[in-house]
């Protein structure tokens, strides 16, 4: 379990998992929301 956590949290920023999205809003698994200025690596114009 410790090894799994190391690999899953290898990013400096602890991003949550995204469960849904709508236009310019990302909705995390816990229901919190983000205004998306990342655009999935610039794909979702």
ModelCIF file with pLDDT and N, C-alpha, C, O atoms, coordinates in Angstrom:
data_MODEL
#
_entry.id   MODEL 
#
_entity.id                         1 
_entity.type                       polymer 
_entity.pdbx_number_of_molecules   1 
#
_entity_poly.entity_id                      1 
_entity_poly.type                           'polypeptide(L)' 
_entity_poly.nstd_linkage                   no 
_entity_poly.nstd_monomer                   no 
_entity_poly.pdbx_seq_one_letter_code       
;(UNK)(UNK)(UNK)(UNK)(UNK)(UNK)(UNK)(UNK)(UNK)(UNK)(UNK)(UNK)(UNK)(UNK)(UNK)(UNK)
(UNK)(UNK)(UNK)(UNK)(UNK)(UNK)(UNK)(UNK)(UNK)(UNK)(UNK)(UNK)(UNK)(UNK)(UNK)(UNK)
(UNK)(UNK)(UNK)(UNK)(UNK)(UNK)(UNK)(UNK)(UNK)(UNK)(UNK)(UNK)(UNK)
;
_entity_poly.pdbx_seq_one_letter_code_can   XXXXXXXXXXXXXXXXXXXXXXXXXXXXXXXXXXXXXXXXXXXXX 
_entity_poly.pdbx_strand_id                 A 
#
loop_
_entity_poly_seq.entity_id 
_entity_poly_seq.num 
_entity_poly_seq.mon_id 
_entity_poly_seq.hetero 
1 1  UNK n 
1 2  UNK n 
1 3  UNK n 
1 4  UNK n 
1 5  UNK n 
1 6  UNK n 
1 7  UNK n 
1 8  UNK n 
1 9  UNK n 
1 10 UNK n 
1 11 UNK n 
1 12 UNK n 
1 13 UNK n 
1 14 UNK n 
1 15 UNK n 
1 16 UNK n 
1 17 UNK n 
1 18 UNK n 
1 19 UNK n 
1 20 UNK n 
1 21 UNK n 
1 22 UNK n 
1 23 UNK n 
1 24 UNK n 
1 25 UNK n 
1 26 UNK n 
1 27 UNK n 
1 28 UNK n 
1 29 UNK n 
1 30 UNK n 
1 31 UNK n 
1 32 UNK n 
1 33 UNK n 
1 34 UNK n 
1 35 UNK n 
1 36 UNK n 
1 37 UNK n 
1 38 UNK n 
1 39 UNK n 
1 40 UNK n 
1 41 UNK n 
1 42 UNK n 
1 43 UNK n 
1 44 UNK n 
1 45 UNK n 
#
_struct_asym.id          A 
_struct_asym.entity_id   1 
#
loop_
_ma_qa_metric.id 
_ma_qa_metric.mode 
_ma_qa_metric.name 
_ma_qa_metric.software_group_id 
_ma_qa_metric.type 
1 global pLDDT . pLDDT 
2 local  pLDDT . pLDDT 
#
_ma_qa_metric_global.metric_id      1 
_ma_qa_metric_global.metric_value   81.27 
_ma_qa_metric_global.model_id       1 
_ma_qa_metric_global.ordinal_id     1 
#
loop_
_ma_qa_metric_local.label_asym_id 
_ma_qa_metric_local.label_comp_id 
_ma_qa_metric_local.label_seq_id 
_ma_qa_metric_local.metric_id 
_ma_qa_metric_local.metric_value 
_ma_qa_metric_local.model_id 
_ma_qa_metric_local.ordinal_id 
A UNK 1  2 42.00 1 1  
A UNK 2  2 37.00 1 2  
A UNK 3  2 32.00 1 3  
A UNK 4  2 38.00 1 4  
A UNK 5  2 37.00 1 5  
A UNK 6  2 32.00 1 6  
A UNK 7  2 34.00 1 7  
A UNK 8  2 39.00 1 8  
A UNK 9  2 38.00 1 9  
A UNK 10 2 41.00 1 10 
A UNK 11 2 47.00 1 11 
A UNK 12 2 66.00 1 12 
A UNK 13 2 84.00 1 13 
A UNK 14 2 87.00 1 14 
A UNK 15 2 93.00 1 15 
A UNK 16 2 94.00 1 16 
A UNK 17 2 96.00 1 17 
A UNK 18 2 97.00 1 18 
A UNK 19 2 97.00 1 19 
A UNK 20 2 97.00 1 20 
A UNK 21 2 98.00 1 21 
A UNK 22 2 98.00 1 22 
A UNK 23 2 98.00 1 23 
A UNK 24 2 98.00 1 24 
A UNK 25 2 98.00 1 25 
A UNK 26 2 98.00 1 26 
A UNK 27 2 98.00 1 27 
A UNK 28 2 97.00 1 28 
A UNK 29 2 96.00 1 29 
A UNK 30 2 96.00 1 30 
A UNK 31 2 96.00 1 31 
A UNK 32 2 97.00 1 32 
A UNK 33 2 98.00 1 33 
A UNK 34 2 98.00 1 34 
A UNK 35 2 98.00 1 35 
A UNK 36 2 98.00 1 36 
A UNK 37 2 98.00 1 37 
A UNK 38 2 97.00 1 38 
A UNK 39 2 96.00 1 39 
A UNK 40 2 96.00 1 40 
A UNK 41 2 95.00 1 41 
A UNK 42 2 96.00 1 42 
A UNK 43 2 97.00 1 43 
A UNK 44 2 97.00 1 44 
A UNK 45 2 97.00 1 45 
#
loop_
_atom_site.group_PDB 
_atom_site.id 
_atom_site.type_symbol 
_atom_site.label_atom_id 
_atom_site.label_alt_id 
_atom_site.label_comp_id 
_atom_site.label_asym_id 
_atom_site.label_entity_id 
_atom_site.label_seq_id 
_atom_site.pdbx_PDB_ins_code 
_atom_site.Cartn_x 
_atom_site.Cartn_y 
_atom_site.Cartn_z 
_atom_site.occupancy 
_atom_site.B_iso_or_equiv 
_atom_site.pdbx_formal_charge 
_atom_site.auth_seq_id 
_atom_site.auth_comp_id 
_atom_site.auth_asym_id 
_atom_site.auth_atom_id 
_atom_site.pdbx_PDB_model_num 
ATOM 1   N N  . UNK A 1 1  ? 0.825   -1.203 0.000   1.00 42.00 ? 1  UNK A N  1 
ATOM 2   C CA . UNK A 1 1  ? 0.000   0.000  0.000   1.00 42.00 ? 1  UNK A CA 1 
ATOM 3   C C  . UNK A 1 1  ? 0.863   1.259  0.000   1.00 42.00 ? 1  UNK A C  1 
ATOM 4   O O  . UNK A 1 1  ? 0.528   2.247  -0.654  1.00 42.00 ? 1  UNK A O  1 
ATOM 5   N N  . UNK A 1 2  ? 1.990   1.220  0.745   1.00 37.00 ? 2  UNK A N  1 
ATOM 6   C CA . UNK A 1 2  ? 2.887   2.367  0.761   1.00 37.00 ? 2  UNK A CA 1 
ATOM 7   C C  . UNK A 1 2  ? 3.490   2.610  -0.613  1.00 37.00 ? 2  UNK A C  1 
ATOM 8   O O  . UNK A 1 2  ? 3.596   3.754  -1.058  1.00 37.00 ? 2  UNK A O  1 
ATOM 9   N N  . UNK A 1 3  ? 3.894   1.516  -1.297  1.00 32.00 ? 3  UNK A N  1 
ATOM 10  C CA . UNK A 1 3  ? 4.447   1.645  -2.653  1.00 32.00 ? 3  UNK A CA 1 
ATOM 11  C C  . UNK A 1 3  ? 3.402   2.228  -3.594  1.00 32.00 ? 3  UNK A C  1 
ATOM 12  O O  . UNK A 1 3  ? 3.708   3.095  -4.412  1.00 32.00 ? 3  UNK A O  1 
ATOM 13  N N  . UNK A 1 4  ? 2.155   1.746  -3.473  1.00 38.00 ? 4  UNK A N  1 
ATOM 14  C CA . UNK A 1 4  ? 1.086   2.248  -4.328  1.00 38.00 ? 4  UNK A CA 1 
ATOM 15  C C  . UNK A 1 4  ? 0.884   3.749  -4.114  1.00 38.00 ? 4  UNK A C  1 
ATOM 16  O O  . UNK A 1 4  ? 0.687   4.495  -5.073  1.00 38.00 ? 4  UNK A O  1 
ATOM 17  N N  . UNK A 1 5  ? 0.934   4.193  -2.844  1.00 37.00 ? 5  UNK A N  1 
ATOM 18  C CA . UNK A 1 5  ? 0.759   5.615  -2.556  1.00 37.00 ? 5  UNK A CA 1 
ATOM 19  C C  . UNK A 1 5  ? 1.890   6.442  -3.132  1.00 37.00 ? 5  UNK A C  1 
ATOM 20  O O  . UNK A 1 5  ? 1.674   7.554  -3.615  1.00 37.00 ? 5  UNK A O  1 
ATOM 21  N N  . UNK A 1 6  ? 3.103   5.896  -3.080  1.00 32.00 ? 6  UNK A N  1 
ATOM 22  C CA . UNK A 1 6  ? 4.244   6.621  -3.639  1.00 32.00 ? 6  UNK A CA 1 
ATOM 23  C C  . UNK A 1 6  ? 4.028   6.872  -5.125  1.00 32.00 ? 6  UNK A C  1 
ATOM 24  O O  . UNK A 1 6  ? 4.239   7.984  -5.608  1.00 32.00 ? 6  UNK A O  1 
ATOM 25  N N  . UNK A 1 7  ? 3.609   5.840  -5.847  1.00 34.00 ? 7  UNK A N  1 
ATOM 26  C CA . UNK A 1 7  ? 3.418   5.995  -7.288  1.00 34.00 ? 7  UNK A CA 1 
ATOM 27  C C  . UNK A 1 7  ? 2.227   6.887  -7.605  1.00 34.00 ? 7  UNK A C  1 
ATOM 28  O O  . UNK A 1 7  ? 2.289   7.667  -8.555  1.00 34.00 ? 7  UNK A O  1 
ATOM 29  N N  . UNK A 1 8  ? 1.140   6.794  -6.835  1.00 39.00 ? 8  UNK A N  1 
ATOM 30  C CA . UNK A 1 8  ? -0.044  7.581  -7.127  1.00 39.00 ? 8  UNK A CA 1 
ATOM 31  C C  . UNK A 1 8  ? 0.154   9.056  -6.781  1.00 39.00 ? 8  UNK A C  1 
ATOM 32  O O  . UNK A 1 8  ? -0.512  9.918  -7.353  1.00 39.00 ? 8  UNK A O  1 
ATOM 33  N N  . UNK A 1 9  ? 1.055   9.350  -5.858  1.00 38.00 ? 9  UNK A N  1 
ATOM 34  C CA . UNK A 1 9  ? 1.256   10.725 -5.406  1.00 38.00 ? 9  UNK A CA 1 
ATOM 35  C C  . UNK A 1 9  ? 2.616   11.269 -5.829  1.00 38.00 ? 9  UNK A C  1 
ATOM 36  O O  . UNK A 1 9  ? 3.223   12.080 -5.129  1.00 38.00 ? 9  UNK A O  1 
ATOM 37  N N  . UNK A 1 10 ? 3.077   10.812 -6.975  1.00 41.00 ? 10 UNK A N  1 
ATOM 38  C CA . UNK A 1 10 ? 4.404   11.208 -7.438  1.00 41.00 ? 10 UNK A CA 1 
ATOM 39  C C  . UNK A 1 10 ? 4.436   12.620 -8.000  1.00 41.00 ? 10 UNK A C  1 
ATOM 40  O O  . UNK A 1 10 ? 5.514   13.159 -8.248  1.00 41.00 ? 10 UNK A O  1 
ATOM 41  N N  . UNK A 1 11 ? 3.252   13.240 -8.208  1.00 47.00 ? 11 UNK A N  1 
ATOM 42  C CA . UNK A 1 11 ? 3.201   14.611 -8.692  1.00 47.00 ? 11 UNK A CA 1 
ATOM 43  C C  . UNK A 1 11 ? 3.316   15.568 -7.521  1.00 47.00 ? 11 UNK A C  1 
ATOM 44  O O  . UNK A 1 11 ? 2.727   15.320 -6.469  1.00 47.00 ? 11 UNK A O  1 
ATOM 45  N N  . UNK A 1 12 ? 4.063   16.664 -7.675  1.00 66.00 ? 12 UNK A N  1 
ATOM 46  C CA . UNK A 1 12 ? 4.188   17.639 -6.591  1.00 66.00 ? 12 UNK A CA 1 
ATOM 47  C C  . UNK A 1 12 ? 2.843   18.206 -6.163  1.00 66.00 ? 12 UNK A C  1 
ATOM 48  O O  . UNK A 1 12 ? 2.619   18.424 -4.973  1.00 66.00 ? 12 UNK A O  1 
ATOM 49  N N  . UNK A 1 13 ? 1.943   18.449 -7.112  1.00 84.00 ? 13 UNK A N  1 
ATOM 50  C CA . UNK A 1 13 ? 0.617   18.959 -6.789  1.00 84.00 ? 13 UNK A CA 1 
ATOM 51  C C  . UNK A 1 13 ? -0.331  17.770 -6.641  1.00 84.00 ? 13 UNK A C  1 
ATOM 52  O O  . UNK A 1 13 ? -0.436  16.938 -7.542  1.00 84.00 ? 13 UNK A O  1 
ATOM 53  N N  . UNK A 1 14 ? -1.014  17.696 -5.512  1.00 87.00 ? 14 UNK A N  1 
ATOM 54  C CA . UNK A 1 14 ? -1.876  16.543 -5.237  1.00 87.00 ? 14 UNK A CA 1 
ATOM 55  C C  . UNK A 1 14 ? -3.231  16.718 -5.921  1.00 87.00 ? 14 UNK A C  1 
ATOM 56  O O  . UNK A 1 14 ? -4.221  17.069 -5.280  1.00 87.00 ? 14 UNK A O  1 
ATOM 57  N N  . UNK A 1 15 ? -3.261  16.471 -7.218  1.00 93.00 ? 15 UNK A N  1 
ATOM 58  C CA . UNK A 1 15 ? -4.504  16.607 -7.970  1.00 93.00 ? 15 UNK A CA 1 
ATOM 59  C C  . UNK A 1 15 ? -5.511  15.542 -7.551  1.00 93.00 ? 15 UNK A C  1 
ATOM 60  O O  . UNK A 1 15 ? -5.154  14.385 -7.330  1.00 93.00 ? 15 UNK A O  1 
ATOM 61  N N  . UNK A 1 16 ? -6.763  15.945 -7.447  1.00 94.00 ? 16 UNK A N  1 
ATOM 62  C CA . UNK A 1 16 ? -7.840  14.993 -7.207  1.00 94.00 ? 16 UNK A CA 1 
ATOM 63  C C  . UNK A 1 16 ? -8.267  14.357 -8.530  1.00 94.00 ? 16 UNK A C  1 
ATOM 64  O O  . UNK A 1 16 ? -7.953  14.860 -9.609  1.00 94.00 ? 16 UNK A O  1 
ATOM 65  N N  . UNK A 1 17 ? -8.981  13.253 -8.422  1.00 96.00 ? 17 UNK A N  1 
ATOM 66  C CA . UNK A 1 17 ? -9.463  12.588 -9.633  1.00 96.00 ? 17 UNK A CA 1 
ATOM 67  C C  . UNK A 1 17 ? -10.713 13.298 -10.147 1.00 96.00 ? 17 UNK A C  1 
ATOM 68  O O  . UNK A 1 17 ? -11.617 13.632 -9.382  1.00 96.00 ? 17 UNK A O  1 
ATOM 69  N N  . UNK A 1 18 ? -10.743 13.521 -11.457 1.00 97.00 ? 18 UNK A N  1 
ATOM 70  C CA . UNK A 1 18 ? -11.868 14.220 -12.082 1.00 97.00 ? 18 UNK A CA 1 
ATOM 71  C C  . UNK A 1 18 ? -12.928 13.202 -12.480 1.00 97.00 ? 18 UNK A C  1 
ATOM 72  O O  . UNK A 1 18 ? -12.651 12.253 -13.215 1.00 97.00 ? 18 UNK A O  1 
ATOM 73  N N  . UNK A 1 19 ? -14.134 13.409 -11.990 1.00 97.00 ? 19 UNK A N  1 
ATOM 74  C CA . UNK A 1 19 ? -15.218 12.461 -12.252 1.00 97.00 ? 19 UNK A CA 1 
ATOM 75  C C  . UNK A 1 19 ? -16.122 12.892 -13.400 1.00 97.00 ? 19 UNK A C  1 
ATOM 76  O O  . UNK A 1 19 ? -16.651 12.053 -14.129 1.00 97.00 ? 19 UNK A O  1 
ATOM 77  N N  . UNK A 1 20 ? -16.300 14.219 -13.560 1.00 97.00 ? 20 UNK A N  1 
ATOM 78  C CA . UNK A 1 20 ? -17.187 14.744 -14.596 1.00 97.00 ? 20 UNK A CA 1 
ATOM 79  C C  . UNK A 1 20 ? -16.650 16.089 -15.063 1.00 97.00 ? 20 UNK A C  1 
ATOM 80  O O  . UNK A 1 20 ? -15.770 16.683 -14.440 1.00 97.00 ? 20 UNK A O  1 
ATOM 81  N N  . UNK A 1 21 ? -17.201 16.544 -16.169 1.00 98.00 ? 21 UNK A N  1 
ATOM 82  C CA . UNK A 1 21 ? -16.840 17.875 -16.656 1.00 98.00 ? 21 UNK A CA 1 
ATOM 83  C C  . UNK A 1 21 ? -17.988 18.418 -17.489 1.00 98.00 ? 21 UNK A C  1 
ATOM 84  O O  . UNK A 1 21 ? -18.750 17.665 -18.097 1.00 98.00 ? 21 UNK A O  1 
ATOM 85  N N  . UNK A 1 22 ? -18.096 19.737 -17.504 1.00 98.00 ? 22 UNK A N  1 
ATOM 86  C CA . UNK A 1 22 ? -19.126 20.403 -18.298 1.00 98.00 ? 22 UNK A CA 1 
ATOM 87  C C  . UNK A 1 22 ? -18.581 21.735 -18.784 1.00 98.00 ? 22 UNK A C  1 
ATOM 88  O O  . UNK A 1 22 ? -18.335 22.643 -17.990 1.00 98.00 ? 22 UNK A O  1 
ATOM 89  N N  . UNK A 1 23 ? -18.397 21.846 -20.068 1.00 98.00 ? 23 UNK A N  1 
ATOM 90  C CA . UNK A 1 23 ? -17.865 23.046 -20.700 1.00 98.00 ? 23 UNK A CA 1 
ATOM 91  C C  . UNK A 1 23 ? -16.554 23.470 -20.051 1.00 98.00 ? 23 UNK A C  1 
ATOM 92  O O  . UNK A 1 23 ? -15.520 22.855 -20.308 1.00 98.00 ? 23 UNK A O  1 
ATOM 93  N N  . UNK A 1 24 ? -16.571 24.507 -19.213 1.00 98.00 ? 24 UNK A N  1 
ATOM 94  C CA . UNK A 1 24 ? -15.348 25.044 -18.620 1.00 98.00 ? 24 UNK A CA 1 
ATOM 95  C C  . UNK A 1 24 ? -15.174 24.650 -17.155 1.00 98.00 ? 24 UNK A C  1 
ATOM 96  O O  . UNK A 1 24 ? -14.326 25.207 -16.459 1.00 98.00 ? 24 UNK A O  1 
ATOM 97  N N  . UNK A 1 25 ? -15.969 23.696 -16.688 1.00 98.00 ? 25 UNK A N  1 
ATOM 98  C CA . UNK A 1 25 ? -15.923 23.290 -15.281 1.00 98.00 ? 25 UNK A CA 1 
ATOM 99  C C  . UNK A 1 25 ? -15.533 21.815 -15.167 1.00 98.00 ? 25 UNK A C  1 
ATOM 100 O O  . UNK A 1 25 ? -16.103 20.955 -15.839 1.00 98.00 ? 25 UNK A O  1 
ATOM 101 N N  . UNK A 1 26 ? -14.546 21.538 -14.297 1.00 98.00 ? 26 UNK A N  1 
ATOM 102 C CA . UNK A 1 26 ? -14.165 20.179 -13.942 1.00 98.00 ? 26 UNK A CA 1 
ATOM 103 C C  . UNK A 1 26 ? -14.757 19.857 -12.580 1.00 98.00 ? 26 UNK A C  1 
ATOM 104 O O  . UNK A 1 26 ? -14.707 20.680 -11.666 1.00 98.00 ? 26 UNK A O  1 
ATOM 105 N N  . UNK A 1 27 ? -15.313 18.667 -12.447 1.00 98.00 ? 27 UNK A N  1 
ATOM 106 C CA . UNK A 1 27 ? -15.933 18.264 -11.188 1.00 98.00 ? 27 UNK A CA 1 
ATOM 107 C C  . UNK A 1 27 ? -15.160 17.077 -10.633 1.00 98.00 ? 27 UNK A C  1 
ATOM 108 O O  . UNK A 1 27 ? -15.120 16.009 -11.244 1.00 98.00 ? 27 UNK A O  1 
ATOM 109 N N  . UNK A 1 28 ? -14.553 17.272 -9.485  1.00 97.00 ? 28 UNK A N  1 
ATOM 110 C CA . UNK A 1 28 ? -13.753 16.226 -8.862  1.00 97.00 ? 28 UNK A CA 1 
ATOM 111 C C  . UNK A 1 28 ? -14.630 15.137 -8.266  1.00 97.00 ? 28 UNK A C  1 
ATOM 112 O O  . UNK A 1 28 ? -15.844 15.288 -8.131  1.00 97.00 ? 28 UNK A O  1 
ATOM 113 N N  . UNK A 1 29 ? -13.981 14.041 -7.916  1.00 96.00 ? 29 UNK A N  1 
ATOM 114 C CA . UNK A 1 29 ? -14.687 12.891 -7.361  1.00 96.00 ? 29 UNK A CA 1 
ATOM 115 C C  . UNK A 1 29 ? -15.412 13.247 -6.068  1.00 96.00 ? 29 UNK A C  1 
ATOM 116 O O  . UNK A 1 29 ? -16.442 12.652 -5.750  1.00 96.00 ? 29 UNK A O  1 
ATOM 117 N N  . UNK A 1 30 ? -14.879 14.218 -5.318  1.00 96.00 ? 30 UNK A N  1 
ATOM 118 C CA . UNK A 1 30 ? -15.518 14.610 -4.060  1.00 96.00 ? 30 UNK A CA 1 
ATOM 119 C C  . UNK A 1 30 ? -16.572 15.696 -4.250  1.00 96.00 ? 30 UNK A C  1 
ATOM 120 O O  . UNK A 1 30 ? -17.137 16.189 -3.273  1.00 96.00 ? 30 UNK A O  1 
ATOM 121 N N  . UNK A 1 31 ? -16.842 16.074 -5.507  1.00 96.00 ? 31 UNK A N  1 
ATOM 122 C CA . UNK A 1 31 ? -17.860 17.069 -5.800  1.00 96.00 ? 31 UNK A CA 1 
ATOM 123 C C  . UNK A 1 31 ? -17.347 18.486 -5.916  1.00 96.00 ? 31 UNK A C  1 
ATOM 124 O O  . UNK A 1 31 ? -18.083 19.362 -6.369  1.00 96.00 ? 31 UNK A O  1 
ATOM 125 N N  . UNK A 1 32 ? -16.096 18.745 -5.519  1.00 97.00 ? 32 UNK A N  1 
ATOM 126 C CA . UNK A 1 32 ? -15.531 20.086 -5.660  1.00 97.00 ? 32 UNK A CA 1 
ATOM 127 C C  . UNK A 1 32 ? -15.324 20.421 -7.130  1.00 97.00 ? 32 UNK A C  1 
ATOM 128 O O  . UNK A 1 32 ? -15.174 19.522 -7.958  1.00 97.00 ? 32 UNK A O  1 
ATOM 129 N N  . UNK A 1 33 ? -15.316 21.704 -7.456  1.00 98.00 ? 33 UNK A N  1 
ATOM 130 C CA . UNK A 1 33 ? -15.277 22.133 -8.847  1.00 98.00 ? 33 UNK A CA 1 
ATOM 131 C C  . UNK A 1 33 ? -14.086 23.049 -9.121  1.00 98.00 ? 33 UNK A C  1 
ATOM 132 O O  . UNK A 1 33 ? -13.582 23.739 -8.234  1.00 98.00 ? 33 UNK A O  1 
ATOM 133 N N  . UNK A 1 34 ? -13.657 23.029 -10.379 1.00 98.00 ? 34 UNK A N  1 
ATOM 134 C CA . UNK A 1 34 ? -12.539 23.849 -10.837 1.00 98.00 ? 34 UNK A CA 1 
ATOM 135 C C  . UNK A 1 34 ? -12.907 24.533 -12.136 1.00 98.00 ? 34 UNK A C  1 
ATOM 136 O O  . UNK A 1 34 ? -13.553 23.937 -12.997 1.00 98.00 ? 34 UNK A O  1 
ATOM 137 N N  . UNK A 1 35 ? -12.494 25.791 -12.281 1.00 98.00 ? 35 UNK A N  1 
ATOM 138 C CA . UNK A 1 35 ? -12.579 26.448 -13.581 1.00 98.00 ? 35 UNK A CA 1 
ATOM 139 C C  . UNK A 1 35 ? -11.389 25.963 -14.401 1.00 98.00 ? 35 UNK A C  1 
ATOM 140 O O  . UNK A 1 35 ? -10.242 26.091 -13.973 1.00 98.00 ? 35 UNK A O  1 
ATOM 141 N N  . UNK A 1 36 ? -11.659 25.411 -15.568 1.00 98.00 ? 36 UNK A N  1 
ATOM 142 C CA . UNK A 1 36 ? -10.614 24.751 -16.348 1.00 98.00 ? 36 UNK A CA 1 
ATOM 143 C C  . UNK A 1 36 ? -9.926  25.711 -17.309 1.00 98.00 ? 36 UNK A C  1 
ATOM 144 O O  . UNK A 1 36 ? -10.524 26.154 -18.290 1.00 98.00 ? 36 UNK A O  1 
ATOM 145 N N  . UNK A 1 37 ? -8.664  26.031 -17.022 1.00 98.00 ? 37 UNK A N  1 
ATOM 146 C CA . UNK A 1 37 ? -7.839  26.790 -17.955 1.00 98.00 ? 37 UNK A CA 1 
ATOM 147 C C  . UNK A 1 37 ? -6.725  25.919 -18.525 1.00 98.00 ? 37 UNK A C  1 
ATOM 148 O O  . UNK A 1 37 ? -5.790  26.421 -19.150 1.00 98.00 ? 37 UNK A O  1 
ATOM 149 N N  . UNK A 1 38 ? -6.830  24.628 -18.307 1.00 97.00 ? 38 UNK A N  1 
ATOM 150 C CA . UNK A 1 38 ? -5.860  23.661 -18.829 1.00 97.00 ? 38 UNK A CA 1 
ATOM 151 C C  . UNK A 1 38 ? -6.341  23.054 -20.140 1.00 97.00 ? 38 UNK A C  1 
ATOM 152 O O  . UNK A 1 38 ? -5.548  22.815 -21.050 1.00 97.00 ? 38 UNK A O  1 
ATOM 153 N N  . UNK A 1 39 ? -7.635  22.808 -20.229 1.00 96.00 ? 39 UNK A N  1 
ATOM 154 C CA . UNK A 1 39 ? -8.229  22.338 -21.474 1.00 96.00 ? 39 UNK A CA 1 
ATOM 155 C C  . UNK A 1 39 ? -7.719  21.009 -21.970 1.00 96.00 ? 39 UNK A C  1 
ATOM 156 O O  . UNK A 1 39 ? -7.590  20.795 -23.175 1.00 96.00 ? 39 UNK A O  1 
ATOM 157 N N  . UNK A 1 40 ? -7.418  20.086 -21.014 1.00 96.00 ? 40 UNK A N  1 
ATOM 158 C CA . UNK A 1 40 ? -6.965  18.742 -21.393 1.00 96.00 ? 40 UNK A CA 1 
ATOM 159 C C  . UNK A 1 40 ? -5.817  18.812 -22.392 1.00 96.00 ? 40 UNK A C  1 
ATOM 160 O O  . UNK A 1 40 ? -5.895  18.285 -23.501 1.00 96.00 ? 40 UNK A O  1 
ATOM 161 N N  . UNK A 1 41 ? -4.744  19.482 -21.961 1.00 95.00 ? 41 UNK A N  1 
ATOM 162 C CA . UNK A 1 41 ? -3.577  19.683 -22.823 1.00 95.00 ? 41 UNK A CA 1 
ATOM 163 C C  . UNK A 1 41 ? -3.916  20.466 -24.090 1.00 95.00 ? 41 UNK A C  1 
ATOM 164 O O  . UNK A 1 41 ? -3.300  20.268 -25.137 1.00 95.00 ? 41 UNK A O  1 
ATOM 165 N N  . UNK A 1 42 ? -4.889  21.345 -23.982 1.00 96.00 ? 42 UNK A N  1 
ATOM 166 C CA . UNK A 1 42 ? -5.217  22.202 -25.111 1.00 96.00 ? 42 UNK A CA 1 
ATOM 167 C C  . UNK A 1 42 ? -6.105  21.571 -26.160 1.00 96.00 ? 42 UNK A C  1 
ATOM 168 O O  . UNK A 1 42 ? -6.123  22.021 -27.306 1.00 96.00 ? 42 UNK A O  1 
ATOM 169 N N  . UNK A 1 43 ? -6.848  20.527 -25.785 1.00 97.00 ? 43 UNK A N  1 
ATOM 170 C CA . UNK A 1 43 ? -7.676  19.840 -26.778 1.00 97.00 ? 43 UNK A CA 1 
ATOM 171 C C  . UNK A 1 43 ? -9.120  20.326 -26.815 1.00 97.00 ? 43 UNK A C  1 
ATOM 172 O O  . UNK A 1 43 ? -9.740  20.340 -27.878 1.00 97.00 ? 43 UNK A O  1 
ATOM 173 N N  . UNK A 1 44 ? -9.661  20.726 -25.665 1.00 97.00 ? 44 UNK A N  1 
ATOM 174 C CA . UNK A 1 44 ? -11.103 20.989 -25.578 1.00 97.00 ? 44 UNK A CA 1 
ATOM 175 C C  . UNK A 1 44 ? -11.422 22.466 -25.831 1.00 97.00 ? 44 UNK A C  1 
ATOM 176 O O  . UNK A 1 44 ? -11.878 23.169 -24.929 1.00 97.00 ? 44 UNK A O  1 
ATOM 177 N N  . UNK A 1 45 ? -11.185 22.924 -27.034 1.00 97.00 ? 45 UNK A N  1 
ATOM 178 C CA . UNK A 1 45 ? -11.454 24.314 -27.381 1.00 97.00 ? 45 UNK A CA 1 
ATOM 179 C C  . UNK A 1 45 ? -12.931 24.645 -27.244 1.00 97.00 ? 45 UNK A C  1 
ATOM 180 O O  . UNK A 1 45 ? -13.336 25.779 -27.498 1.00 97.00 ? 45 UNK A O  1 
#
